[in-house]
């Protein structure tokens, strides 16, 4: 009887080792598949100016140009119309899978208008909504004037489609 119980315990231990080995192989295979799929996850890209949180709230109407430079930093470009305008340009794009083309998700142009005394006259946060240029601060779409003609080429320049 001793020999039979030893044989049984050896058979159980062998089966236990095989079961553990199969479990480890399955776990390793699952980890390998997850790591492979992890490389295919989407990516997000930010180009241009990154707006600090709460930055526009720190710039009241009538603030000086120096205050704007301290809060916002150097603008992407400057225009001199009837006074100066600072433009901060950014674009956010993503691609759902690593090997696919990028798709533009958001384009923004933050415009800070100054009067002749270099005081903030108006703030605008332009983006695209329903395919049209839209000011997210005043919730309006510019319809005519020089402002739209200056912003349209900027958005066309940012679009790589």
C-alpha atoms as a PDB file:
ATOM      1  CA  UNK A   1       0.000   0.000   0.000  1.00  0.00           C
ATOM      2  CA  UNK A   2       2.833   2.382   0.630  1.00  0.00           C
ATOM      3  CA  UNK A   3       4.046   2.058  -2.897  1.00  0.00           C
ATOM      4  CA  UNK A   4       0.595   2.775  -4.344  1.00  0.00           C
ATOM      5  CA  UNK A   5       0.112   5.917  -2.237  1.00  0.00           C
ATOM      6  CA  UNK A   6       3.562   7.144  -3.310  1.00  0.00           C
ATOM      7  CA  UNK A   7       2.685   6.540  -6.958  1.00  0.00           C
ATOM      8  CA  UNK A   8      -0.604   8.398  -6.556  1.00  0.00           C
ATOM      9  CA  UNK A   9       1.027  11.373  -4.852  1.00  0.00           C
ATOM     10  CA  UNK A  10       3.691  11.481  -7.593  1.00  0.00           C
ATOM     11  CA  UNK A  11       0.953  11.377 -10.262  1.00  0.00           C
ATOM     12  CA  UNK A  12      -0.967  14.191  -8.526  1.00  0.00           C
ATOM     13  CA  UNK A  13       2.163  16.315  -8.194  1.00  0.00           C
ATOM     14  CA  UNK A  14       3.014  15.760 -11.878  1.00  0.00           C
ATOM     15  CA  UNK A  15      -0.520  16.740 -12.896  1.00  0.00           C
ATOM     16  CA  UNK A  16      -0.308  19.813 -10.623  1.00  0.00           C
ATOM     17  CA  UNK A  17       2.954  20.872 -12.231  1.00  0.00           C
ATOM     18  CA  UNK A  18       1.500  20.395 -15.713  1.00  0.00           C
ATOM     19  CA  UNK A  19      -1.588  22.389 -14.753  1.00  0.00           C
ATOM     20  CA  UNK A  20       0.575  25.203 -13.374  1.00  0.00           C
ATOM     21  CA  UNK A  21       2.762  25.114 -16.492  1.00  0.00           C
ATOM     22  CA  UNK A  22      -0.295  25.400 -18.756  1.00  0.00           C
ATOM     23  CA  UNK A  23      -1.607  28.240 -16.590  1.00  0.00           C
ATOM     24  CA  UNK A  24       1.713  30.095 -16.859  1.00  0.00           C
ATOM     25  CA  UNK A  25       1.809  29.580 -20.627  1.00  0.00           C
ATOM     26  CA  UNK A  26      -1.738  30.921 -20.961  1.00  0.00           C
ATOM     27  CA  UNK A  27      -0.913  33.947 -18.792  1.00  0.00           C
ATOM     28  CA  UNK A  28       2.239  34.608 -20.816  1.00  0.00           C
ATOM     29  CA  UNK A  29       0.288  34.346 -24.080  1.00  0.00           C
ATOM     30  CA  UNK A  30      -2.371  36.763 -22.807  1.00  0.00           C
ATOM     31  CA  UNK A  31       0.319  39.218 -21.643  1.00  0.00           C
ATOM     32  CA  UNK A  32       2.033  39.000 -25.051  1.00  0.00           C
ATOM     33  CA  UNK A  33      -1.227  39.658 -26.908  1.00  0.00           C
ATOM     34  CA  UNK A  34      -2.049  42.603 -24.622  1.00  0.00           C
ATOM     35  CA  UNK A  35       1.415  44.085 -25.131  1.00  0.00           C
ATOM     36  CA  UNK A  36       1.044  43.705 -28.898  1.00  0.00           C
ATOM     37  CA  UNK A  37      -2.358  45.369 -28.910  1.00  0.00           C
ATOM     38  CA  UNK A  38      -1.051  48.105 -26.616  1.00  0.00           C
ATOM     39  CA  UNK A  39       1.232  49.235 -29.437  1.00  0.00           C
ATOM     40  CA  UNK A  40      -1.810  49.752 -31.634  1.00  0.00           C
ATOM     41  CA  UNK A  41      -3.627  52.137 -29.305  1.00  0.00           C
ATOM     42  CA  UNK A  42      -4.343  55.655 -30.417  1.00  0.00           C
ATOM     43  CA  UNK A  43      -2.114  58.665 -29.996  1.00  0.00           C
ATOM     44  CA  UNK A  44      -2.814  62.356 -29.512  1.00  0.00           C
ATOM     45  CA  UNK A  45      -0.611  65.135 -30.874  1.00  0.00           C
ATOM     46  CA  UNK A  46      -0.492  68.766 -29.768  1.00  0.00           C
ATOM     47  CA  UNK A  47       1.149  71.285 -32.105  1.00  0.00           C
ATOM     48  CA  UNK A  48       1.708  74.935 -31.418  1.00  0.00           C
ATOM     49  CA  UNK A  49       0.711  76.881 -28.333  1.00  0.00           C
ATOM     50  CA  UNK A  50      -0.620  75.012 -25.294  1.00  0.00           C
ATOM     51  CA  UNK A  51      -3.001  77.266 -23.359  1.00  0.00           C
ATOM     52  CA  UNK A  52      -2.315  77.166 -19.602  1.00  0.00           C
ATOM     53  CA  UNK A  53      -5.400  76.491 -17.491  1.00  0.00           C
ATOM     54  CA  UNK A  54      -7.105  79.715 -16.434  1.00  0.00           C
ATOM     55  CA  UNK A  55      -4.785  81.936 -18.497  1.00  0.00           C
ATOM     56  CA  UNK A  56      -7.536  83.823 -20.352  1.00  0.00           C
ATOM     57  CA  UNK A  57      -9.307  84.578 -17.064  1.00  0.00           C
ATOM     58  CA  UNK A  58      -6.144  86.339 -15.843  1.00  0.00           C
ATOM     59  CA  UNK A  59      -6.286  88.863 -18.689  1.00  0.00           C
ATOM     60  CA  UNK A  60      -8.994  91.473 -18.073  1.00  0.00           C
ATOM     61  CA  UNK A  61     -10.039  94.059 -20.640  1.00  0.00           C
ATOM     62  CA  UNK A  62      -7.691  97.035 -20.184  1.00  0.00           C
ATOM     63  CA  UNK A  63      -4.665  94.921 -19.125  1.00  0.00           C
ATOM     64  CA  UNK A  64      -1.312  96.029 -20.485  1.00  0.00           C
ATOM     65  CA  UNK A  65       0.580  94.280 -23.246  1.00  0.00           C
ATOM     66  CA  UNK A  66       3.316  93.380 -20.740  1.00  0.00           C
ATOM     67  CA  UNK A  67       0.771  91.642 -18.515  1.00  0.00           C
ATOM     68  CA  UNK A  68      -0.381  89.578 -21.483  1.00  0.00           C
ATOM     69  CA  UNK A  69       3.192  88.573 -22.278  1.00  0.00           C
ATOM     70  CA  UNK A  70       3.762  87.514 -18.659  1.00  0.00           C
ATOM     71  CA  UNK A  71       0.597  85.390 -18.524  1.00  0.00           C
ATOM     72  CA  UNK A  72       0.498  83.984 -22.060  1.00  0.00           C
ATOM     73  CA  UNK A  73       4.122  84.096 -23.160  1.00  0.00           C
ATOM     74  CA  UNK A  74       5.405  84.951 -26.620  1.00  0.00           C
ATOM     75  CA  UNK A  75       2.664  84.865 -29.296  1.00  0.00           C
ATOM     76  CA  UNK A  76       2.851  82.585 -32.326  1.00  0.00           C
ATOM     77  CA  UNK A  77       2.500  85.617 -34.573  1.00  0.00           C
ATOM     78  CA  UNK A  78       1.706  89.330 -34.303  1.00  0.00           C
ATOM     79  CA  UNK A  79      -0.384  91.481 -36.618  1.00  0.00           C
ATOM     80  CA  UNK A  80      -0.493  95.259 -36.702  1.00  0.00           C
ATOM     81  CA  UNK A  81      -3.931  96.364 -37.851  1.00  0.00           C
ATOM     82  CA  UNK A  82      -5.535  99.246 -35.972  1.00  0.00           C
ATOM     83  CA  UNK A  83      -3.273  98.539 -33.021  1.00  0.00           C
ATOM     84  CA  UNK A  84      -1.611  95.210 -32.420  1.00  0.00           C
ATOM     85  CA  UNK A  85      -3.056  91.710 -32.282  1.00  0.00           C
ATOM     86  CA  UNK A  86      -1.312  88.744 -30.641  1.00  0.00           C
ATOM     87  CA  UNK A  87      -2.216  85.349 -32.102  1.00  0.00           C
ATOM     88  CA  UNK A  88      -1.585  82.098 -30.197  1.00  0.00           C
ATOM     89  CA  UNK A  89      -2.097  79.188 -32.609  1.00  0.00           C
ATOM     90  CA  UNK A  90      -2.578  75.520 -31.721  1.00  0.00           C
ATOM     91  CA  UNK A  91      -3.783  72.282 -33.274  1.00  0.00           C
ATOM     92  CA  UNK A  92      -4.725  68.971 -31.674  1.00  0.00           C
ATOM     93  CA  UNK A  93      -4.910  65.795 -33.731  1.00  0.00           C
ATOM     94  CA  UNK A  94      -5.200  62.100 -33.030  1.00  0.00           C
ATOM     95  CA  UNK A  95      -5.037  58.751 -34.699  1.00  0.00           C
ATOM     96  CA  UNK A  96      -7.007  55.802 -33.351  1.00  0.00           C
ATOM     97  CA  UNK A  97      -4.427  53.177 -34.343  1.00  0.00           C
ATOM     98  CA  UNK A  98      -0.658  53.666 -34.543  1.00  0.00           C
ATOM     99  CA  UNK A  99      -0.359  53.027 -38.282  1.00  0.00           C
ATOM    100  CA  UNK A 100      -3.313  55.167 -39.439  1.00  0.00           C
ATOM    101  CA  UNK A 101      -3.221  58.798 -40.594  1.00  0.00           C
ATOM    102  CA  UNK A 102      -3.742  61.645 -38.140  1.00  0.00           C
ATOM    103  CA  UNK A 103      -7.136  63.357 -37.952  1.00  0.00           C
ATOM    104  CA  UNK A 104      -7.450  66.979 -36.786  1.00  0.00           C
ATOM    105  CA  UNK A 105      -9.690  67.135 -33.701  1.00  0.00           C
ATOM    106  CA  UNK A 106      -9.358  70.806 -32.741  1.00  0.00           C
ATOM    107  CA  UNK A 107      -7.729  73.955 -34.096  1.00  0.00           C
ATOM    108  CA  UNK A 108      -7.595  77.145 -32.060  1.00  0.00           C
ATOM    109  CA  UNK A 109      -6.406  80.678 -32.600  1.00  0.00           C
ATOM    110  CA  UNK A 110      -6.471  82.852 -29.496  1.00  0.00           C
ATOM    111  CA  UNK A 111      -6.460  86.489 -30.555  1.00  0.00           C
ATOM    112  CA  UNK A 112      -5.776  89.326 -28.126  1.00  0.00           C
ATOM    113  CA  UNK A 113      -6.574  92.738 -29.571  1.00  0.00           C
ATOM    114  CA  UNK A 114      -4.853  95.887 -28.278  1.00  0.00           C
ATOM    115  CA  UNK A 115      -5.774  99.522 -28.762  1.00  0.00           C
ATOM    116  CA  UNK A 116      -3.334 102.334 -29.633  1.00  0.00           C
ATOM    117  CA  UNK A 117      -2.279 102.594 -25.953  1.00  0.00           C
ATOM    118  CA  UNK A 118      -1.302  98.873 -25.886  1.00  0.00           C
ATOM    119  CA  UNK A 119      -4.202  97.976 -23.582  1.00  0.00           C
ATOM    120  CA  UNK A 120      -6.316  94.852 -24.130  1.00  0.00           C
ATOM    121  CA  UNK A 121      -9.370  95.856 -26.104  1.00  0.00           C
ATOM    122  CA  UNK A 122     -10.871  92.414 -26.792  1.00  0.00           C
ATOM    123  CA  UNK A 123     -10.146  88.690 -26.406  1.00  0.00           C
ATOM    124  CA  UNK A 124     -11.207  86.004 -28.895  1.00  0.00           C
ATOM    125  CA  UNK A 125     -10.751  82.238 -28.897  1.00  0.00           C
ATOM    126  CA  UNK A 126     -11.365  81.130 -32.484  1.00  0.00           C
ATOM    127  CA  UNK A 127     -11.859  77.500 -33.429  1.00  0.00           C
ATOM    128  CA  UNK A 128     -13.819  75.427 -35.870  1.00  0.00           C
ATOM    129  CA  UNK A 129     -17.399  74.476 -35.132  1.00  0.00           C
ATOM    130  CA  UNK A 130     -19.455  72.795 -37.822  1.00  0.00           C
ATOM    131  CA  UNK A 131     -16.716  73.628 -40.334  1.00  0.00           C
ATOM    132  CA  UNK A 132     -16.907  77.396 -39.728  1.00  0.00           C
ATOM    133  CA  UNK A 133     -14.644  79.725 -37.778  1.00  0.00           C
ATOM    134  CA  UNK A 134     -16.268  80.306 -34.383  1.00  0.00           C
ATOM    135  CA  UNK A 135     -15.357  82.531 -31.408  1.00  0.00           C
ATOM    136  CA  UNK A 136     -15.706  80.390 -28.280  1.00  0.00           C
ATOM    137  CA  UNK A 137     -15.637  83.421 -25.953  1.00  0.00           C
ATOM    138  CA  UNK A 138     -18.378  85.564 -27.478  1.00  0.00           C
ATOM    139  CA  UNK A 139     -20.131  82.525 -29.011  1.00  0.00           C
ATOM    140  CA  UNK A 140     -20.347  84.202 -32.435  1.00  0.00           C
ATOM    141  CA  UNK A 141     -19.210  83.455 -35.938  1.00  0.00           C
ATOM    142  CA  UNK A 142     -17.430  86.389 -37.618  1.00  0.00           C
ATOM    143  CA  UNK A 143     -19.278  87.272 -40.809  1.00  0.00           C
ATOM    144  CA  UNK A 144     -17.211  89.921 -42.533  1.00  0.00           C
ATOM    145  CA  UNK A 145     -14.352  92.339 -42.176  1.00  0.00           C
ATOM    146  CA  UNK A 146     -10.583  92.147 -42.056  1.00  0.00           C
ATOM    147  CA  UNK A 147     -10.534  89.840 -39.048  1.00  0.00           C
ATOM    148  CA  UNK A 148     -11.977  86.873 -40.932  1.00  0.00           C
ATOM    149  CA  UNK A 149      -9.700  87.415 -43.902  1.00  0.00           C
ATOM    150  CA  UNK A 150      -6.648  87.174 -41.605  1.00  0.00           C
ATOM    151  CA  UNK A 151      -7.870  84.086 -39.742  1.00  0.00           C
ATOM    152  CA  UNK A 152      -8.931  82.049 -42.765  1.00  0.00           C
ATOM    153  CA  UNK A 153      -5.372  81.607 -44.133  1.00  0.00           C
ATOM    154  CA  UNK A 154      -4.172  80.646 -40.649  1.00  0.00           C
ATOM    155  CA  UNK A 155      -6.706  77.816 -40.451  1.00  0.00           C
ATOM    156  CA  UNK A 156      -5.921  76.730 -44.022  1.00  0.00           C
ATOM    157  CA  UNK A 157      -2.214  76.719 -43.170  1.00  0.00           C
ATOM    158  CA  UNK A 158      -2.857  74.505 -40.118  1.00  0.00           C
ATOM    159  CA  UNK A 159      -5.022  72.035 -42.043  1.00  0.00           C
ATOM    160  CA  UNK A 160      -2.899  69.362 -43.631  1.00  0.00           C
ATOM    161  CA  UNK A 161      -5.789  67.626 -45.428  1.00  0.00           C
END
